[in-house]
Amino acid sequence: MTTAMETLALDDALKHHFGYDSFRPLQREIVEASLGGADILALLPTGGGKSLCYQLPALVRPGLVLVISPLIALMKDQVDALNANGIPATFLNSSIDAATASDRLAGLDRGEYRLLYVAPERLVLPSFLDRLARWDVRRVAVDEAHCVSEWGHDFRPEYRQLSVLRERLPDAPVIAVTATATGRVRDDIERFLQLRSPERFVGSFNRPNLQYRVYEKRDPLKQLLAWTAERARESGIVYVSSRAAAEDLAE
């Protein structure tokens, strides 16, 4: 259970580091459950603030949060944003040279970082796991957790090997987050990541600002021109089936 003092610290940290006055739906509940030591499966919509659910605990408790992320660009974006907010975070992946990696590993040995982002392929290397044992890892976050399931749209076989963290870091609670998971995928996430009686948090995916309409196609170019002319002061995106079609249409 989180104490009143920790709850106050959450609000302070949220405002100080991220500039927000209040939490988005389910964020507080997820963060408090994580701080209480529970394994968590969080299914929140895109833009729902999933990353804050594992970033904020790193700021109110000591130790290192290990974040597994499948995308190099996503790692860099999040680390850059954290560093800009004064939060010591780093990443290790194939985009950095040996000297940079060596410096960051030395910083991890000295306990200089609060969050470390790595790809699943690096995480399962025996040499990296040996290093990991020397760092004060208090919490593990698995981003894009649907990648563990063959039923997910971005299946990554390496995600299946993340269960090794249960052996190497038995006391570190795991938070698995995703924006897309059917019931079957959720079950796979819990099974393959070996989550222990996880608390499930499922956010609302209702977007009242989005509408879907279907029009009968007669003269598509004429229809499209008329449709965009009605919205000349707005912006939008037109999808077509190929790059050539996009260039022709733009012309």
Protein backbone atom coordinates (compact mmCIF):
# COMPACT_ATOMS: atom_id res chain seq x y z
CA MET A 1 0.00 0.00 0.00
CA THR A 2 1.20 3.51 -0.74
CA THR A 3 1.19 5.93 2.17
CA ALA A 4 -0.33 9.41 2.22
CA MET A 5 3.21 10.82 2.10
CA GLU A 6 4.00 8.81 -1.05
CA THR A 7 0.72 9.92 -2.63
CA LEU A 8 1.66 13.53 -1.99
CA ALA A 9 5.10 12.83 -3.46
CA LEU A 10 3.43 11.47 -6.61
CA ASP A 11 1.56 14.72 -7.15
CA ASP A 12 4.70 16.74 -6.49
CA ALA A 13 6.79 14.62 -8.86
CA LEU A 14 4.08 14.73 -11.53
CA LYS A 15 4.04 18.51 -11.45
CA HIS A 16 7.78 19.05 -11.00
CA HIS A 17 9.08 16.63 -13.62
CA PHE A 18 6.24 16.47 -16.15
CA GLY A 19 4.36 19.72 -15.61
CA TYR A 20 0.95 18.08 -15.11
CA ASP A 21 -1.51 19.12 -12.41
CA SER A 22 -3.48 15.88 -12.46
CA PHE A 23 -3.29 12.28 -13.61
CA ARG A 24 -5.01 10.85 -16.65
CA PRO A 25 -7.51 8.03 -16.09
CA LEU A 26 -5.99 5.00 -14.30
CA GLN A 27 -2.48 6.47 -14.12
CA ARG A 28 -2.54 7.07 -10.37
CA GLU A 29 -4.02 3.64 -9.67
CA ILE A 30 -1.37 1.95 -11.82
CA VAL A 31 1.52 3.87 -10.25
CA GLU A 32 0.28 3.18 -6.72
CA ALA A 33 -0.16 -0.53 -7.46
CA SER A 34 3.35 -0.67 -8.91
CA LEU A 35 4.82 1.07 -5.87
CA GLY A 36 2.95 -1.44 -3.74
CA GLY A 37 4.92 -4.25 -5.39
CA ALA A 38 2.23 -5.71 -7.65
CA ASP A 39 2.78 -7.09 -11.13
CA ILE A 40 0.64 -5.10 -13.55
CA LEU A 41 -0.89 -5.42 -17.00
CA ALA A 42 -1.97 -2.00 -18.21
CA LEU A 43 -3.98 -1.64 -21.41
CA LEU A 44 -4.33 2.06 -22.18
CA PRO A 45 -5.16 3.82 -25.46
CA THR A 46 -2.52 5.60 -27.52
CA GLY A 47 -1.98 8.95 -25.84
CA GLY A 48 -3.24 7.60 -22.52
CA GLY A 49 0.09 8.11 -20.77
CA LYS A 50 1.42 4.57 -20.48
CA SER A 51 5.08 5.57 -20.17
CA LEU A 52 4.42 7.80 -17.17
CA CYS A 53 3.12 4.74 -15.31
CA TYR A 54 6.64 3.31 -15.11
CA GLN A 55 8.61 6.56 -15.26
CA LEU A 56 7.04 8.18 -12.23
CA PRO A 57 7.85 5.34 -9.78
CA ALA A 58 11.51 5.80 -10.72
CA LEU A 59 11.35 9.32 -9.31
CA VAL A 60 9.76 8.60 -5.94
CA ARG A 61 11.66 5.42 -5.06
CA PRO A 62 15.40 4.69 -5.19
CA GLY A 63 16.98 2.24 -7.60
CA LEU A 64 16.86 1.59 -11.33
CA VAL A 65 13.82 0.95 -13.52
CA LEU A 66 14.64 -1.34 -16.44
CA VAL A 67 12.49 -0.63 -19.51
CA ILE A 68 12.30 -3.10 -22.39
CA SER A 69 11.33 -1.35 -25.62
CA PRO A 70 11.26 -2.78 -29.16
CA LEU A 71 11.98 0.42 -31.08
CA ILE A 72 15.24 2.38 -31.18
CA ALA A 73 13.49 5.61 -32.15
CA LEU A 74 11.04 5.26 -29.26
CA MET A 75 13.88 4.73 -26.78
CA LYS A 76 15.68 7.84 -27.95
CA ASP A 77 12.55 9.98 -27.90
CA GLN A 78 11.66 8.96 -24.36
CA VAL A 79 15.21 9.29 -23.01
CA ASP A 80 15.64 12.70 -24.64
CA ALA A 81 12.37 13.88 -23.09
CA LEU A 82 13.33 12.53 -19.66
CA ASN A 83 16.76 14.15 -19.78
CA ALA A 84 15.17 17.45 -20.83
CA ASN A 85 13.06 17.24 -17.67
CA GLY A 86 16.13 16.67 -15.52
CA ILE A 87 15.59 12.92 -15.11
CA PRO A 88 18.74 10.77 -15.44
CA ALA A 89 17.87 8.14 -18.04
CA THR A 90 19.79 6.37 -20.78
CA PHE A 91 19.47 3.65 -23.40
CA LEU A 92 21.67 0.90 -24.80
CA ASN A 93 21.12 -0.22 -28.37
CA SER A 94 22.85 -0.68 -31.71
CA SER A 95 22.61 3.03 -32.60
CA ILE A 96 25.46 4.02 -30.25
CA ASP A 97 29.17 3.32 -30.69
CA ALA A 98 31.32 1.21 -28.40
CA ALA A 99 32.82 4.18 -26.55
CA THR A 100 29.40 5.66 -25.78
CA ALA A 101 28.10 2.29 -24.63
CA SER A 102 31.14 1.87 -22.38
CA ASP A 103 30.54 5.27 -20.78
CA ARG A 104 26.90 4.48 -20.15
CA LEU A 105 27.70 1.08 -18.67
CA ALA A 106 30.19 2.74 -16.32
CA GLY A 107 27.49 5.22 -15.31
CA LEU A 108 25.13 2.34 -14.59
CA ASP A 109 27.81 0.70 -12.45
CA ARG A 110 28.01 3.95 -10.47
CA GLY A 111 24.24 4.14 -10.05
CA GLU A 112 23.90 7.40 -11.99
CA TYR A 113 20.64 6.57 -13.80
CA ARG A 114 17.04 6.07 -12.72
CA LEU A 115 15.78 4.51 -15.96
CA LEU A 116 17.53 2.27 -18.47
CA TYR A 117 15.96 1.44 -21.86
CA VAL A 118 17.12 -1.68 -23.70
CA ALA A 119 15.91 -3.82 -26.59
CA PRO A 120 14.82 -7.40 -25.83
CA GLU A 121 17.65 -8.79 -27.99
CA ARG A 122 20.29 -7.18 -25.77
CA LEU A 123 18.53 -8.10 -22.57
CA VAL A 124 18.85 -11.85 -23.09
CA LEU A 125 22.61 -11.77 -23.75
CA PRO A 126 24.41 -13.61 -20.91
CA SER A 127 27.02 -10.85 -20.61
CA PHE A 128 24.32 -8.22 -20.19
CA LEU A 129 22.42 -10.31 -17.65
CA ASP A 130 25.60 -10.64 -15.61
CA ARG A 131 25.99 -6.86 -15.58
CA LEU A 132 22.33 -6.42 -14.73
CA ALA A 133 22.85 -8.33 -11.49
CA ARG A 134 25.27 -5.62 -10.32
CA TRP A 135 22.77 -2.81 -10.76
CA ASP A 136 20.05 -1.94 -8.28
CA VAL A 137 17.08 -2.88 -10.48
CA ARG A 138 13.91 -2.33 -8.46
CA ARG A 139 11.28 -2.50 -11.19
CA VAL A 140 10.90 -3.88 -14.74
CA ALA A 141 8.69 -2.31 -17.40
CA VAL A 142 7.83 -4.10 -20.64
CA ASP A 143 6.65 -1.58 -23.22
CA GLU A 144 4.60 -2.72 -26.25
CA ALA A 145 3.98 -5.92 -24.32
CA HIS A 146 1.69 -7.33 -27.03
CA CYS A 147 4.90 -8.20 -28.93
CA VAL A 148 5.12 -11.31 -26.75
CA SER A 149 2.10 -12.89 -28.40
CA GLU A 150 1.85 -14.57 -31.79
CA TRP A 151 -1.70 -13.23 -31.84
CA GLY A 152 -0.37 -9.67 -31.57
CA HIS A 153 0.27 -7.63 -34.70
CA ASP A 154 3.96 -7.00 -33.87
CA PHE A 155 5.12 -10.41 -32.61
CA ARG A 156 8.80 -10.42 -31.57
CA PRO A 157 10.15 -13.87 -30.63
CA GLU A 158 12.74 -12.28 -28.33
CA TYR A 159 9.95 -11.11 -26.05
CA ARG A 160 9.30 -14.74 -25.15
CA GLN A 161 12.74 -14.88 -23.54
CA LEU A 162 12.01 -12.04 -21.13
CA SER A 163 10.83 -14.57 -18.57
CA VAL A 164 14.54 -14.93 -17.73
CA LEU A 165 14.10 -11.73 -15.71
CA ARG A 166 12.01 -13.68 -13.22
CA GLU A 167 15.03 -15.83 -12.50
CA ARG A 168 17.56 -12.98 -12.42
CA LEU A 169 15.36 -10.36 -10.70
CA PRO A 170 12.85 -12.35 -8.64
CA ASP A 171 11.97 -9.45 -6.33
CA ALA A 172 11.41 -6.82 -9.03
CA PRO A 173 7.73 -6.29 -9.90
CA VAL A 174 6.89 -6.17 -13.60
CA ILE A 175 4.60 -3.70 -15.32
CA ALA A 176 3.55 -4.67 -18.84
CA VAL A 177 1.96 -1.92 -20.91
CA THR A 178 0.33 -1.89 -24.33
CA ALA A 179 -2.25 0.00 -26.33
CA THR A 180 -3.51 -3.02 -28.22
CA ALA A 181 -4.39 -6.44 -26.83
CA THR A 182 -7.32 -8.78 -27.26
CA GLY A 183 -8.27 -11.11 -24.43
CA ARG A 184 -6.09 -13.85 -25.89
CA VAL A 185 -3.10 -11.48 -26.17
CA ARG A 186 -3.57 -10.33 -22.57
CA ASP A 187 -3.48 -13.94 -21.43
CA ASP A 188 -0.29 -14.51 -23.44
CA ILE A 189 1.35 -11.44 -21.87
CA GLU A 190 0.64 -12.71 -18.37
CA ARG A 191 1.76 -16.26 -19.21
CA PHE A 192 4.96 -15.59 -21.15
CA LEU A 193 6.16 -12.76 -18.90
CA GLN A 194 5.28 -14.90 -15.86
CA LEU A 195 3.33 -12.13 -14.19
CA ARG A 196 2.35 -13.10 -10.65
CA SER A 197 -1.36 -12.52 -9.92
CA PRO A 198 -1.18 -9.27 -11.88
CA GLU A 199 -3.54 -6.40 -11.42
CA ARG A 200 -5.22 -5.60 -14.73
CA PHE A 201 -6.03 -2.03 -15.73
CA VAL A 202 -8.01 -1.48 -18.92
CA GLY A 203 -8.70 2.08 -20.02
CA SER A 204 -11.54 3.34 -22.17
CA PHE A 205 -10.87 3.39 -25.88
CA ASN A 206 -13.89 5.55 -26.67
CA ARG A 207 -12.82 8.59 -28.71
CA PRO A 208 -15.82 10.93 -29.00
CA ASN A 209 -13.88 13.18 -31.37
CA LEU A 210 -13.55 10.40 -33.97
CA GLN A 211 -16.24 9.45 -36.47
CA TYR A 212 -16.42 6.77 -39.15
CA ARG A 213 -18.51 7.26 -42.27
CA VAL A 214 -18.80 5.26 -45.50
CA TYR A 215 -19.63 6.86 -48.85
CA GLU A 216 -20.52 5.16 -52.09
CA LYS A 217 -17.70 5.66 -54.59
CA ARG A 218 -18.83 7.18 -57.89
CA ASP A 219 -16.25 9.66 -59.23
CA PRO A 220 -13.64 9.40 -56.44
CA LEU A 221 -11.39 12.24 -57.55
CA LYS A 222 -14.32 14.60 -57.94
CA GLN A 223 -15.74 13.48 -54.59
CA LEU A 224 -12.40 13.99 -52.87
CA LEU A 225 -11.90 17.47 -54.33
CA ALA A 226 -15.39 18.49 -53.24
CA TRP A 227 -14.86 17.02 -49.78
CA THR A 228 -11.55 18.84 -49.26
CA ALA A 229 -12.87 22.11 -50.71
CA GLU A 230 -15.49 22.11 -47.96
CA ARG A 231 -12.63 21.90 -45.43
CA ALA A 232 -10.19 24.31 -47.02
CA ARG A 233 -9.26 25.86 -43.66
CA GLU A 234 -8.65 22.51 -41.97
CA SER A 235 -5.87 19.93 -42.18
CA GLY A 236 -6.03 16.20 -42.74
CA ILE A 237 -4.59 13.09 -44.33
CA VAL A 238 -5.65 11.25 -47.48
CA TYR A 239 -4.61 7.60 -47.69
CA VAL A 240 -4.19 5.83 -51.02
CA SER A 241 -3.00 2.37 -52.01
CA SER A 242 0.48 3.16 -53.33
CA ARG A 243 3.23 5.75 -53.41
CA ALA A 244 2.61 6.35 -57.12
CA ALA A 245 -1.06 6.96 -56.46
CA ALA A 246 -0.15 9.40 -53.67
CA GLU A 247 2.13 11.36 -56.02
CA ASP A 248 -0.46 11.40 -58.79
CA LEU A 249 -3.18 12.54 -56.44
CA ALA A 250 -1.00 15.24 -54.86
CA GLU A 251 -0.14 16.56 -58.35
